[in-house]
Amino acid sequence: MAVKKETKATAAKKTVKTVKEAAPKAKKTVAAKTVAAKGKSTGKTTEVEFKVYAPGSASVAVAGDFNNWKPSALKKDKSGNWSGKLNLSAGAHQYKIVFNGQYWETDSSNPERVSDGHGGENSIKRV
């Protein structure tokens, strides 16, 4: 009988799935706590830092209208905190946090949301 080894990515996927299954159906949640930090202005754009606590994830990124919905990778520290800075123009921006390259979720620390046009929601970041 062959024994199948579990990769880190598979373990992270299971962690996210388990948390999703345990969450109430009315709200999508992930095993992560996200925080968009205050930014500093550099003229026409503002540098905004995105922070996510997701120790069980193999990768975390942020995607939104500010980067044409192409996920920008965040960097992980030893404690499981992921972070990255992006320059955003003034205005309201729609975005999602992308876990393990496939789970697109709203920012759990940001209650401001808008319909994504596909039956879900996007988070809004105002700059």
N, C-alpha and C. Protein backbone atom coordinates (compact mmCIF):
# COMPACT_ATOMS: atom_id res chain seq x y z
N MET A 1 0.84 -1.19 0.00
CA MET A 1 0.00 0.00 0.00
C MET A 1 0.88 1.24 0.00
N ALA A 2 0.69 2.11 -0.96
CA ALA A 2 1.50 3.33 -1.08
C ALA A 2 1.00 4.40 -0.12
N VAL A 3 1.95 5.11 0.48
CA VAL A 3 1.60 6.20 1.39
C VAL A 3 1.90 7.51 0.67
N LYS A 4 0.92 8.39 0.67
CA LYS A 4 1.04 9.67 -0.03
C LYS A 4 1.58 10.72 0.94
N LYS A 5 2.68 11.41 0.55
CA LYS A 5 3.24 12.47 1.38
C LYS A 5 2.45 13.75 1.18
N GLU A 6 2.26 14.49 2.25
CA GLU A 6 1.52 15.75 2.19
C GLU A 6 2.52 16.90 2.07
N THR A 7 2.39 17.70 1.03
CA THR A 7 3.28 18.84 0.83
C THR A 7 2.81 20.02 1.68
N LYS A 8 3.69 21.01 1.83
CA LYS A 8 3.31 22.22 2.58
C LYS A 8 2.12 22.90 1.91
N ALA A 9 2.10 22.94 0.57
CA ALA A 9 0.99 23.59 -0.15
C ALA A 9 -0.32 22.84 0.12
N THR A 10 -0.27 21.52 0.13
CA THR A 10 -1.48 20.73 0.38
C THR A 10 -1.96 20.96 1.81
N ALA A 11 -1.03 21.00 2.76
CA ALA A 11 -1.40 21.26 4.16
C ALA A 11 -2.02 22.63 4.32
N ALA A 12 -1.45 23.65 3.65
CA ALA A 12 -1.99 25.01 3.72
C ALA A 12 -3.38 25.05 3.10
N LYS A 13 -3.57 24.35 1.98
CA LYS A 13 -4.88 24.32 1.32
C LYS A 13 -5.92 23.70 2.24
N LYS A 14 -5.54 22.62 2.93
CA LYS A 14 -6.46 21.96 3.86
C LYS A 14 -6.81 22.90 5.01
N THR A 15 -5.82 23.65 5.51
CA THR A 15 -6.07 24.59 6.61
C THR A 15 -7.09 25.63 6.19
N VAL A 16 -6.90 26.21 5.01
CA VAL A 16 -7.84 27.23 4.51
C VAL A 16 -9.21 26.62 4.32
N LYS A 17 -9.28 25.42 3.73
CA LYS A 17 -10.57 24.76 3.49
C LYS A 17 -11.27 24.45 4.81
N THR A 18 -10.53 23.97 5.80
CA THR A 18 -11.12 23.64 7.09
C THR A 18 -11.71 24.87 7.74
N VAL A 19 -11.01 25.98 7.71
CA VAL A 19 -11.51 27.21 8.30
C VAL A 19 -12.74 27.69 7.55
N LYS A 20 -12.74 27.59 6.22
CA LYS A 20 -13.90 27.99 5.42
C LYS A 20 -15.12 27.16 5.80
N GLU A 21 -14.92 25.85 5.96
CA GLU A 21 -16.04 24.98 6.28
C GLU A 21 -16.61 25.29 7.66
N ALA A 22 -15.75 25.69 8.59
CA ALA A 22 -16.19 25.99 9.95
C ALA A 22 -16.84 27.35 10.07
N ALA A 23 -16.63 28.22 9.07
CA ALA A 23 -17.15 29.58 9.12
C ALA A 23 -18.64 29.60 8.78
N PRO A 24 -19.35 30.61 9.30
CA PRO A 24 -20.77 30.75 8.95
C PRO A 24 -20.92 30.98 7.45
N LYS A 25 -21.99 30.47 6.88
CA LYS A 25 -22.21 30.58 5.43
C LYS A 25 -22.42 32.02 4.97
N ALA A 26 -22.92 32.89 5.83
CA ALA A 26 -23.21 34.26 5.43
C ALA A 26 -21.94 35.06 5.14
N LYS A 27 -20.81 34.66 5.71
CA LYS A 27 -19.57 35.40 5.54
C LYS A 27 -18.46 34.47 5.11
N LYS A 28 -17.67 34.87 4.13
CA LYS A 28 -16.51 34.10 3.74
C LYS A 28 -15.36 34.51 4.65
N THR A 29 -14.66 33.52 5.19
CA THR A 29 -13.50 33.82 6.02
C THR A 29 -12.36 32.89 5.66
N VAL A 30 -11.17 33.27 6.08
CA VAL A 30 -9.98 32.49 5.81
C VAL A 30 -9.15 32.50 7.09
N ALA A 31 -8.28 31.55 7.23
CA ALA A 31 -7.42 31.49 8.41
C ALA A 31 -6.37 32.59 8.30
N ALA A 32 -6.82 33.82 8.32
CA ALA A 32 -5.90 34.94 8.19
C ALA A 32 -6.54 36.20 8.74
N LYS A 33 -5.70 37.06 9.20
CA LYS A 33 -6.14 38.36 9.67
C LYS A 33 -5.43 39.38 8.80
N THR A 34 -6.17 40.24 8.12
CA THR A 34 -5.54 41.18 7.22
C THR A 34 -5.70 42.60 7.72
N VAL A 35 -4.68 43.40 7.46
CA VAL A 35 -4.69 44.79 7.89
C VAL A 35 -4.04 45.63 6.80
N ALA A 36 -4.74 46.65 6.34
CA ALA A 36 -4.15 47.59 5.40
C ALA A 36 -3.64 48.77 6.23
N ALA A 37 -2.36 48.96 6.23
CA ALA A 37 -1.76 50.01 7.05
C ALA A 37 -1.90 51.38 6.41
N LYS A 38 -1.69 52.42 7.21
CA LYS A 38 -1.72 53.79 6.68
C LYS A 38 -0.58 53.96 5.70
N GLY A 39 -0.85 54.72 4.64
CA GLY A 39 0.16 54.93 3.62
C GLY A 39 0.80 56.29 3.71
N LYS A 40 1.89 56.49 2.95
CA LYS A 40 2.50 57.80 2.88
C LYS A 40 2.46 58.29 1.44
N SER A 41 2.17 59.56 1.28
CA SER A 41 1.98 60.14 -0.04
C SER A 41 3.31 60.42 -0.72
N THR A 42 3.38 60.11 -2.02
CA THR A 42 4.56 60.42 -2.82
C THR A 42 4.14 61.21 -4.06
N GLY A 43 3.28 62.19 -3.86
CA GLY A 43 2.82 63.01 -4.99
C GLY A 43 1.50 62.52 -5.52
N LYS A 44 1.53 61.90 -6.70
CA LYS A 44 0.30 61.43 -7.33
C LYS A 44 -0.16 60.08 -6.81
N THR A 45 0.72 59.37 -6.11
CA THR A 45 0.34 58.07 -5.54
C THR A 45 0.67 58.05 -4.05
N THR A 46 0.09 57.08 -3.37
CA THR A 46 0.36 56.88 -1.95
C THR A 46 0.84 55.45 -1.77
N GLU A 47 1.92 55.30 -1.03
CA GLU A 47 2.43 53.96 -0.73
C GLU A 47 1.57 53.36 0.37
N VAL A 48 0.97 52.22 0.08
CA VAL A 48 0.08 51.55 1.02
C VAL A 48 0.66 50.17 1.32
N GLU A 49 0.74 49.84 2.60
CA GLU A 49 1.23 48.53 2.98
C GLU A 49 0.05 47.62 3.32
N PHE A 50 0.07 46.43 2.75
CA PHE A 50 -0.94 45.41 3.05
C PHE A 50 -0.27 44.38 3.96
N LYS A 51 -0.97 44.02 5.03
CA LYS A 51 -0.44 43.02 5.97
C LYS A 51 -1.48 41.94 6.18
N VAL A 52 -1.02 40.70 6.20
CA VAL A 52 -1.91 39.55 6.39
C VAL A 52 -1.21 38.55 7.31
N TYR A 53 -1.93 38.05 8.30
CA TYR A 53 -1.41 36.99 9.14
C TYR A 53 -2.01 35.68 8.65
N ALA A 54 -1.18 34.85 8.04
CA ALA A 54 -1.64 33.58 7.48
C ALA A 54 -0.49 32.57 7.54
N PRO A 55 -0.17 32.08 8.74
CA PRO A 55 0.98 31.18 8.88
C PRO A 55 0.86 29.87 8.13
N GLY A 56 -0.36 29.41 7.84
CA GLY A 56 -0.55 28.15 7.14
C GLY A 56 -0.59 28.26 5.63
N SER A 57 -0.46 29.46 5.11
CA SER A 57 -0.54 29.64 3.65
C SER A 57 0.83 29.50 3.01
N ALA A 58 0.86 28.89 1.84
CA ALA A 58 2.10 28.75 1.07
C ALA A 58 2.44 30.05 0.35
N SER A 59 1.42 30.85 0.00
CA SER A 59 1.65 32.15 -0.63
C SER A 59 0.45 33.04 -0.34
N VAL A 60 0.71 34.35 -0.30
CA VAL A 60 -0.34 35.35 -0.11
C VAL A 60 -0.01 36.51 -1.04
N ALA A 61 -1.04 37.05 -1.70
CA ALA A 61 -0.85 38.17 -2.61
C ALA A 61 -2.06 39.09 -2.51
N VAL A 62 -1.94 40.27 -3.07
CA VAL A 62 -3.06 41.20 -3.15
C VAL A 62 -3.28 41.52 -4.63
N ALA A 63 -4.55 41.50 -5.04
CA ALA A 63 -4.90 41.80 -6.43
C ALA A 63 -6.07 42.77 -6.43
N GLY A 64 -6.02 43.74 -7.34
CA GLY A 64 -7.09 44.71 -7.40
C GLY A 64 -7.05 45.53 -8.67
N ASP A 65 -7.92 46.53 -8.72
CA ASP A 65 -7.96 47.37 -9.92
C ASP A 65 -6.67 48.17 -10.08
N PHE A 66 -5.89 48.32 -9.02
CA PHE A 66 -4.64 49.06 -9.05
C PHE A 66 -3.50 48.29 -9.71
N ASN A 67 -3.63 46.97 -9.85
CA ASN A 67 -2.61 46.17 -10.54
C ASN A 67 -3.24 45.25 -11.60
N ASN A 68 -4.36 45.72 -12.16
CA ASN A 68 -5.08 44.98 -13.22
C ASN A 68 -5.44 43.56 -12.80
N TRP A 69 -5.72 43.38 -11.51
CA TRP A 69 -6.13 42.10 -10.94
C TRP A 69 -5.09 41.00 -11.13
N LYS A 70 -3.82 41.40 -11.28
CA LYS A 70 -2.72 40.44 -11.34
C LYS A 70 -2.11 40.42 -9.95
N PRO A 71 -2.19 39.30 -9.23
CA PRO A 71 -1.73 39.25 -7.84
C PRO A 71 -0.28 39.71 -7.66
N SER A 72 -0.08 40.61 -6.69
CA SER A 72 1.24 41.07 -6.28
C SER A 72 1.60 40.33 -5.00
N ALA A 73 2.69 39.57 -5.04
CA ALA A 73 3.08 38.73 -3.92
C ALA A 73 3.46 39.55 -2.69
N LEU A 74 3.08 39.02 -1.53
CA LEU A 74 3.50 39.59 -0.27
C LEU A 74 4.63 38.70 0.27
N LYS A 75 5.48 39.26 1.14
CA LYS A 75 6.60 38.50 1.71
C LYS A 75 6.24 38.03 3.12
N LYS A 76 6.67 36.82 3.44
CA LYS A 76 6.35 36.21 4.74
C LYS A 76 7.53 36.33 5.70
N ASP A 77 7.23 36.67 6.96
CA ASP A 77 8.27 36.67 7.99
C ASP A 77 8.20 35.35 8.77
N LYS A 78 9.09 35.18 9.74
CA LYS A 78 9.16 33.93 10.51
C LYS A 78 7.93 33.65 11.34
N SER A 79 7.14 34.70 11.64
CA SER A 79 5.95 34.54 12.48
C SER A 79 4.68 34.25 11.70
N GLY A 80 4.76 34.19 10.38
CA GLY A 80 3.57 33.92 9.57
C GLY A 80 2.85 35.17 9.11
N ASN A 81 3.50 36.33 9.29
CA ASN A 81 2.93 37.59 8.81
C ASN A 81 3.42 37.85 7.39
N TRP A 82 2.50 38.20 6.53
CA TRP A 82 2.82 38.52 5.14
C TRP A 82 2.62 40.02 4.96
N SER A 83 3.50 40.69 4.19
CA SER A 83 3.34 42.12 3.96
C SER A 83 3.95 42.52 2.63
N GLY A 84 3.46 43.65 2.14
CA GLY A 84 3.98 44.22 0.90
C GLY A 84 3.43 45.61 0.70
N LYS A 85 4.18 46.44 -0.02
CA LYS A 85 3.77 47.82 -0.26
C LYS A 85 3.49 48.02 -1.74
N LEU A 86 2.42 48.77 -2.01
CA LEU A 86 2.05 49.12 -3.38
C LEU A 86 1.75 50.60 -3.44
N ASN A 87 2.02 51.23 -4.58
CA ASN A 87 1.69 52.64 -4.77
C ASN A 87 0.32 52.72 -5.42
N LEU A 88 -0.61 53.40 -4.72
CA LEU A 88 -1.98 53.53 -5.22
C LEU A 88 -2.29 54.99 -5.50
N SER A 89 -3.03 55.24 -6.57
CA SER A 89 -3.48 56.59 -6.88
C SER A 89 -4.63 56.96 -5.95
N ALA A 90 -4.93 58.25 -5.87
CA ALA A 90 -6.02 58.70 -5.02
C ALA A 90 -7.35 58.12 -5.51
N GLY A 91 -8.23 57.81 -4.58
CA GLY A 91 -9.55 57.29 -4.93
C GLY A 91 -9.87 56.01 -4.21
N ALA A 92 -10.98 55.39 -4.60
CA ALA A 92 -11.43 54.12 -4.02
C ALA A 92 -10.98 52.98 -4.93
N HIS A 93 -10.34 51.98 -4.35
CA HIS A 93 -9.83 50.84 -5.12
C HIS A 93 -10.45 49.54 -4.63
N GLN A 94 -10.84 48.68 -5.57
CA GLN A 94 -11.37 47.36 -5.25
C GLN A 94 -10.21 46.38 -5.23
N TYR A 95 -10.25 45.43 -4.27
CA TYR A 95 -9.18 44.44 -4.19
C TYR A 95 -9.63 43.20 -3.44
N LYS A 96 -8.82 42.14 -3.56
CA LYS A 96 -8.99 40.91 -2.79
C LYS A 96 -7.62 40.40 -2.39
N ILE A 97 -7.61 39.58 -1.34
CA ILE A 97 -6.40 38.90 -0.90
C ILE A 97 -6.42 37.51 -1.53
N VAL A 98 -5.30 37.08 -2.10
CA VAL A 98 -5.22 35.79 -2.80
C VAL A 98 -4.33 34.84 -1.99
N PHE A 99 -4.93 33.75 -1.51
CA PHE A 99 -4.22 32.76 -0.73
C PHE A 99 -3.86 31.56 -1.59
N ASN A 100 -2.62 31.13 -1.53
CA ASN A 100 -2.14 29.93 -2.24
C ASN A 100 -2.43 29.97 -3.73
N GLY A 101 -2.49 31.16 -4.29
CA GLY A 101 -2.68 31.33 -5.73
C GLY A 101 -4.06 31.00 -6.24
N GLN A 102 -5.00 30.60 -5.36
CA GLN A 102 -6.31 30.20 -5.86
C GLN A 102 -7.50 30.63 -5.03
N TYR A 103 -7.30 30.99 -3.78
CA TYR A 103 -8.43 31.40 -2.93
C TYR A 103 -8.48 32.92 -2.84
N TRP A 104 -9.42 33.53 -3.57
CA TRP A 104 -9.57 34.98 -3.61
C TRP A 104 -10.60 35.37 -2.55
N GLU A 105 -10.18 36.12 -1.55
CA GLU A 105 -11.04 36.46 -0.42
C GLU A 105 -11.04 37.97 -0.16
N THR A 106 -12.12 38.45 0.44
CA THR A 106 -12.16 39.85 0.85
C THR A 106 -11.23 40.03 2.05
N ASP A 107 -10.86 41.26 2.30
CA ASP A 107 -9.99 41.61 3.43
C ASP A 107 -10.81 41.51 4.71
N SER A 108 -10.50 40.55 5.55
CA SER A 108 -11.29 40.30 6.76
C SER A 108 -11.24 41.44 7.77
N SER A 109 -10.26 42.32 7.67
CA SER A 109 -10.16 43.44 8.60
C SER A 109 -10.83 44.71 8.07
N ASN A 110 -11.33 44.66 6.84
CA ASN A 110 -11.93 45.83 6.21
C ASN A 110 -13.40 45.57 5.90
N PRO A 111 -14.31 46.21 6.63
CA PRO A 111 -15.74 45.96 6.41
C PRO A 111 -16.30 46.64 5.17
N GLU A 112 -15.55 47.56 4.55
CA GLU A 112 -16.08 48.26 3.37
C GLU A 112 -15.97 47.35 2.15
N ARG A 113 -17.13 47.05 1.56
CA ARG A 113 -17.19 46.11 0.43
C ARG A 113 -18.12 46.63 -0.66
N VAL A 114 -17.97 46.05 -1.84
CA VAL A 114 -18.82 46.35 -2.98
C VAL A 114 -19.01 45.04 -3.77
N SER A 115 -20.12 44.92 -4.47
CA SER A 115 -20.37 43.73 -5.29
C SER A 115 -19.27 43.59 -6.34
N ASP A 116 -18.83 42.35 -6.57
CA ASP A 116 -17.82 42.12 -7.60
C ASP A 116 -18.43 41.80 -8.96
N GLY A 117 -19.77 41.78 -9.02
CA GLY A 117 -20.44 41.50 -10.29
C GLY A 117 -20.52 40.02 -10.63
N HIS A 118 -20.02 39.16 -9.73
CA HIS A 118 -20.03 37.71 -9.97
C HIS A 118 -20.66 36.97 -8.79
N GLY A 119 -21.48 37.68 -8.02
CA GLY A 119 -22.14 37.06 -6.88
C GLY A 119 -21.36 37.14 -5.58
N GLY A 120 -20.20 37.77 -5.62
CA GLY A 120 -19.37 37.92 -4.42
C GLY A 120 -19.13 39.39 -4.12
N GLU A 121 -18.09 39.65 -3.36
CA GLU A 121 -17.75 41.02 -3.00
C GLU A 121 -16.26 41.26 -3.14
N ASN A 122 -15.91 42.55 -3.31
CA ASN A 122 -14.53 43.02 -3.27
C ASN A 122 -14.40 43.95 -2.09
N SER A 123 -13.23 44.00 -1.50
CA SER A 123 -12.94 44.98 -0.47
C SER A 123 -12.64 46.31 -1.16
N ILE A 124 -12.84 47.41 -0.43
CA ILE A 124 -12.55 48.74 -0.95
C ILE A 124 -11.47 49.37 -0.09
N LYS A 125 -10.44 49.92 -0.74
CA LYS A 125 -9.40 50.67 -0.05
C LYS A 125 -9.46 52.09 -0.57
N ARG A 126 -9.69 53.03 0.32
CA ARG A 126 -9.74 54.46 -0.06
C ARG A 126 -8.39 55.10 0.23
N VAL A 127 -7.88 55.82 -0.77
CA VAL A 127 -6.59 56.52 -0.64
C VAL A 127 -6.83 58.00 -0.81
